[in-house]
Amino acid sequence: MTEAVVDSVDGFDDTLQKISARAEVEGAAIQVDLQDVPLRPDGPILVGPGPRSSVLWHNDGISFAAAERGLLPLANDLVYTRGPERRCAPPEETRISQRAAIEALVVHLLTGERAESLEWMEASSD
């Protein structure tokens, strides 16, 4: 597992581009966990390859999955890696594009809040 510290939106975007390139080589999305400094667990995001992602928000022991309004679920699970393991994200948790996921994370990093432009549904996993 690798850690990266970013202190700007450009640095965040650059880090996600590097992760996306690595995901392309591995042939599966990669789970990225965000933590504030001082450390506080936050929601993971699935990064590349492919057009879909997943953003989970944890609040008081409940997980919520972000979804773009009008974006239908995929037909199949989205395969991703978390460390050395391969896992699957269910279609109802991957109703967000890569770009919208990144924008939601920027909103969170700048405000500490969930993006209001997205729907947030209770997630069954994580």
C-alpha atoms as a PDB file:
ATOM      1  CA  MET A   1       0.000   0.000   0.000  1.00  0.00           C
ATOM      2  CA  THR A   2       1.169   3.511  -0.795  1.00  0.00           C
ATOM      3  CA  GLU A   3       0.399   6.811   0.860  1.00  0.00           C
ATOM      4  CA  ALA A   4       0.366  10.264  -0.696  1.00  0.00           C
ATOM      5  CA  VAL A   5      -0.122  13.601   1.013  1.00  0.00           C
ATOM      6  CA  VAL A   6      -1.707  16.338  -1.096  1.00  0.00           C
ATOM      7  CA  ASP A   7      -2.331  19.944  -0.165  1.00  0.00           C
ATOM      8  CA  SER A   8      -3.952  21.333  -3.295  1.00  0.00           C
ATOM      9  CA  VAL A   9      -6.632  20.437  -5.831  1.00  0.00           C
ATOM     10  CA  ASP A  10      -3.952  20.173  -8.547  1.00  0.00           C
ATOM     11  CA  GLY A  11      -1.916  17.802  -6.376  1.00  0.00           C
ATOM     12  CA  PHE A  12      -5.016  15.734  -5.712  1.00  0.00           C
ATOM     13  CA  ASP A  13      -5.855  15.536  -9.417  1.00  0.00           C
ATOM     14  CA  ASP A  14      -2.243  14.617 -10.289  1.00  0.00           C
ATOM     15  CA  THR A  15      -2.252  11.820  -7.695  1.00  0.00           C
ATOM     16  CA  LEU A  16      -5.532  10.430  -9.036  1.00  0.00           C
ATOM     17  CA  GLN A  17      -4.154  10.477 -12.596  1.00  0.00           C
ATOM     18  CA  LYS A  18      -1.166   8.397 -11.438  1.00  0.00           C
ATOM     19  CA  ILE A  19      -3.456   5.932  -9.691  1.00  0.00           C
ATOM     20  CA  SER A  20      -5.652   5.714 -12.795  1.00  0.00           C
ATOM     21  CA  ALA A  21      -2.587   4.905 -14.940  1.00  0.00           C
ATOM     22  CA  ARG A  22      -1.626   2.147 -12.487  1.00  0.00           C
ATOM     23  CA  ALA A  23      -5.198   0.809 -12.580  1.00  0.00           C
ATOM     24  CA  GLU A  24      -4.977   0.638 -16.369  1.00  0.00           C
ATOM     25  CA  VAL A  25      -1.860  -1.557 -16.074  1.00  0.00           C
ATOM     26  CA  GLU A  26      -3.477  -3.775 -13.423  1.00  0.00           C
ATOM     27  CA  GLY A  27      -6.751  -4.052 -15.352  1.00  0.00           C
ATOM     28  CA  ALA A  28      -8.901  -3.219 -12.312  1.00  0.00           C
ATOM     29  CA  ALA A  29      -9.959  -0.143 -10.402  1.00  0.00           C
ATOM     30  CA  ILE A  30      -7.991   0.658  -7.254  1.00  0.00           C
ATOM     31  CA  GLN A  31      -9.613   1.590  -3.959  1.00  0.00           C
ATOM     32  CA  VAL A  32      -8.264   4.841  -2.542  1.00  0.00           C
ATOM     33  CA  ASP A  33      -9.041   5.786   1.063  1.00  0.00           C
ATOM     34  CA  LEU A  34      -9.011   9.469   1.980  1.00  0.00           C
ATOM     35  CA  GLN A  35      -7.976  10.705   5.388  1.00  0.00           C
ATOM     36  CA  ASP A  36      -7.879  14.217   6.761  1.00  0.00           C
ATOM     37  CA  VAL A  37      -4.911  15.518   8.705  1.00  0.00           C
ATOM     38  CA  PRO A  38      -5.142  14.991  11.588  1.00  0.00           C
ATOM     39  CA  LEU A  39      -6.148  11.476  10.573  1.00  0.00           C
ATOM     40  CA  ARG A  40      -9.839  10.679  10.407  1.00  0.00           C
ATOM     41  CA  PRO A  41     -11.149   7.761   8.284  1.00  0.00           C
ATOM     42  CA  ASP A  42     -13.237   8.853   5.345  1.00  0.00           C
ATOM     43  CA  GLY A  43     -14.941   7.389   2.324  1.00  0.00           C
ATOM     44  CA  PRO A  44     -13.069   5.385  -0.289  1.00  0.00           C
ATOM     45  CA  ILE A  45     -13.153   6.029  -4.015  1.00  0.00           C
ATOM     46  CA  LEU A  46     -12.519   3.541  -6.822  1.00  0.00           C
ATOM     47  CA  VAL A  47     -10.154   4.985  -9.437  1.00  0.00           C
ATOM     48  CA  GLY A  48      -9.881   3.861 -13.134  1.00  0.00           C
ATOM     49  CA  PRO A  49      -9.714   2.145 -15.532  1.00  0.00           C
ATOM     50  CA  GLY A  50     -13.082   2.618 -17.135  1.00  0.00           C
ATOM     51  CA  PRO A  51     -15.761   5.256 -16.974  1.00  0.00           C
ATOM     52  CA  ARG A  52     -17.301   4.313 -13.599  1.00  0.00           C
ATOM     53  CA  SER A  53     -16.232   4.791 -10.025  1.00  0.00           C
ATOM     54  CA  SER A  54     -17.605   4.506  -6.509  1.00  0.00           C
ATOM     55  CA  VAL A  55     -17.598   6.991  -3.659  1.00  0.00           C
ATOM     56  CA  LEU A  56     -18.646   5.830  -0.206  1.00  0.00           C
ATOM     57  CA  TRP A  57     -19.331   8.186   2.698  1.00  0.00           C
ATOM     58  CA  HIS A  58     -19.246   6.803   6.237  1.00  0.00           C
ATOM     59  CA  ASN A  59     -21.343   8.449   8.935  1.00  0.00           C
ATOM     60  CA  ASP A  60     -22.069   6.978  12.380  1.00  0.00           C
ATOM     61  CA  GLY A  61     -21.508   3.386  11.225  1.00  0.00           C
ATOM     62  CA  ILE A  62     -23.618   3.727   8.074  1.00  0.00           C
ATOM     63  CA  SER A  63     -22.173   3.847   4.546  1.00  0.00           C
ATOM     64  CA  PHE A  64     -23.726   5.900   1.755  1.00  0.00           C
ATOM     65  CA  ALA A  65     -22.906   5.449  -1.952  1.00  0.00           C
ATOM     66  CA  ALA A  66     -22.841   8.458  -4.274  1.00  0.00           C
ATOM     67  CA  ALA A  67     -24.858   8.309  -7.486  1.00  0.00           C
ATOM     68  CA  GLU A  68     -25.271  10.699 -10.382  1.00  0.00           C
ATOM     69  CA  ARG A  69     -28.910  11.461 -11.040  1.00  0.00           C
ATOM     70  CA  GLY A  70     -30.131   9.546 -14.089  1.00  0.00           C
ATOM     71  CA  LEU A  71     -27.051   7.259 -14.330  1.00  0.00           C
ATOM     72  CA  LEU A  72     -28.235   3.649 -14.346  1.00  0.00           C
ATOM     73  CA  PRO A  73     -26.369   0.829 -12.581  1.00  0.00           C
ATOM     74  CA  LEU A  74     -23.841  -1.262 -14.517  1.00  0.00           C
ATOM     75  CA  ALA A  75     -24.862  -4.779 -15.574  1.00  0.00           C
ATOM     76  CA  ASN A  76     -22.040  -6.337 -13.511  1.00  0.00           C
ATOM     77  CA  ASP A  77     -19.937  -5.732 -10.431  1.00  0.00           C
ATOM     78  CA  LEU A  78     -16.901  -3.450 -10.784  1.00  0.00           C
ATOM     79  CA  VAL A  79     -13.681  -5.331  -9.992  1.00  0.00           C
ATOM     80  CA  TYR A  80     -11.154  -3.389  -7.925  1.00  0.00           C
ATOM     81  CA  THR A  81      -8.076  -3.952  -5.810  1.00  0.00           C
ATOM     82  CA  ARG A  82      -7.605  -3.081  -2.161  1.00  0.00           C
ATOM     83  CA  GLY A  83      -3.997  -3.760  -1.355  1.00  0.00           C
ATOM     84  CA  PRO A  84      -3.208  -7.251  -2.646  1.00  0.00           C
ATOM     85  CA  GLU A  85      -6.868  -8.384  -2.734  1.00  0.00           C
ATOM     86  CA  ARG A  86      -9.307  -8.236  -5.644  1.00  0.00           C
ATOM     87  CA  ARG A  87     -12.856  -7.340  -4.670  1.00  0.00           C
ATOM     88  CA  CYS A  88     -16.109  -6.364  -6.386  1.00  0.00           C
ATOM     89  CA  ALA A  89     -18.277  -3.283  -5.966  1.00  0.00           C
ATOM     90  CA  PRO A  90     -21.970  -3.957  -6.661  1.00  0.00           C
ATOM     91  CA  PRO A  91     -23.663  -2.086  -9.520  1.00  0.00           C
ATOM     92  CA  GLU A  92     -25.772   0.091  -7.200  1.00  0.00           C
ATOM     93  CA  GLU A  93     -22.533   1.493  -5.695  1.00  0.00           C
ATOM     94  CA  THR A  94     -20.944   2.366  -9.056  1.00  0.00           C
ATOM     95  CA  ARG A  95     -23.520   4.824 -10.417  1.00  0.00           C
ATOM     96  CA  ILE A  96     -20.998   7.663 -10.676  1.00  0.00           C
ATOM     97  CA  SER A  97     -18.509   8.637 -13.380  1.00  0.00           C
ATOM     98  CA  GLN A  98     -14.808   9.056 -12.667  1.00  0.00           C
ATOM     99  CA  ARG A  99     -15.028  12.827 -13.203  1.00  0.00           C
ATOM    100  CA  ALA A 100     -18.067  13.253 -10.928  1.00  0.00           C
ATOM    101  CA  ALA A 101     -16.326  11.150  -8.252  1.00  0.00           C
ATOM    102  CA  ILE A 102     -13.262  13.374  -8.384  1.00  0.00           C
ATOM    103  CA  GLU A 103     -15.420  16.514  -8.250  1.00  0.00           C
ATOM    104  CA  ALA A 104     -17.288  15.112  -5.225  1.00  0.00           C
ATOM    105  CA  LEU A 105     -14.003  14.466  -3.464  1.00  0.00           C
ATOM    106  CA  VAL A 106     -12.773  17.986  -4.206  1.00  0.00           C
ATOM    107  CA  VAL A 107     -15.999  19.349  -2.671  1.00  0.00           C
ATOM    108  CA  HIS A 108     -15.380  17.190   0.384  1.00  0.00           C
ATOM    109  CA  LEU A 109     -11.740  18.246   0.704  1.00  0.00           C
ATOM    110  CA  LEU A 110     -12.651  21.936   0.430  1.00  0.00           C
ATOM    111  CA  THR A 111     -15.804  21.943   2.586  1.00  0.00           C
ATOM    112  CA  GLY A 112     -15.868  18.702   4.597  1.00  0.00           C
ATOM    113  CA  GLU A 113     -19.378  18.054   3.224  1.00  0.00           C
ATOM    114  CA  ARG A 114     -20.967  15.658   0.765  1.00  0.00           C
ATOM    115  CA  ALA A 115     -21.565  17.000  -2.750  1.00  0.00           C
ATOM    116  CA  GLU A 116     -25.182  18.167  -3.002  1.00  0.00           C
ATOM    117  CA  SER A 117     -25.215  17.547  -6.756  1.00  0.00           C
ATOM    118  CA  LEU A 118     -25.258  13.776  -6.119  1.00  0.00           C
ATOM    119  CA  GLU A 119     -27.769  11.364  -4.645  1.00  0.00           C
ATOM    120  CA  TRP A 120     -26.581   9.468  -1.539  1.00  0.00           C
ATOM    121  CA  MET A 121     -28.063   6.015  -0.988  1.00  0.00           C
ATOM    122  CA  GLU A 122     -27.443   3.713   1.947  1.00  0.00           C
ATOM    123  CA  ALA A 123     -24.813   1.176   0.864  1.00  0.00           C
ATOM    124  CA  SER A 124     -25.031  -2.502   1.666  1.00  0.00           C
ATOM    125  CA  SER A 125     -21.286  -3.161   1.813  1.00  0.00           C
ATOM    126  CA  ASP A 126     -17.937  -1.832   3.065  1.00  0.00           C
END
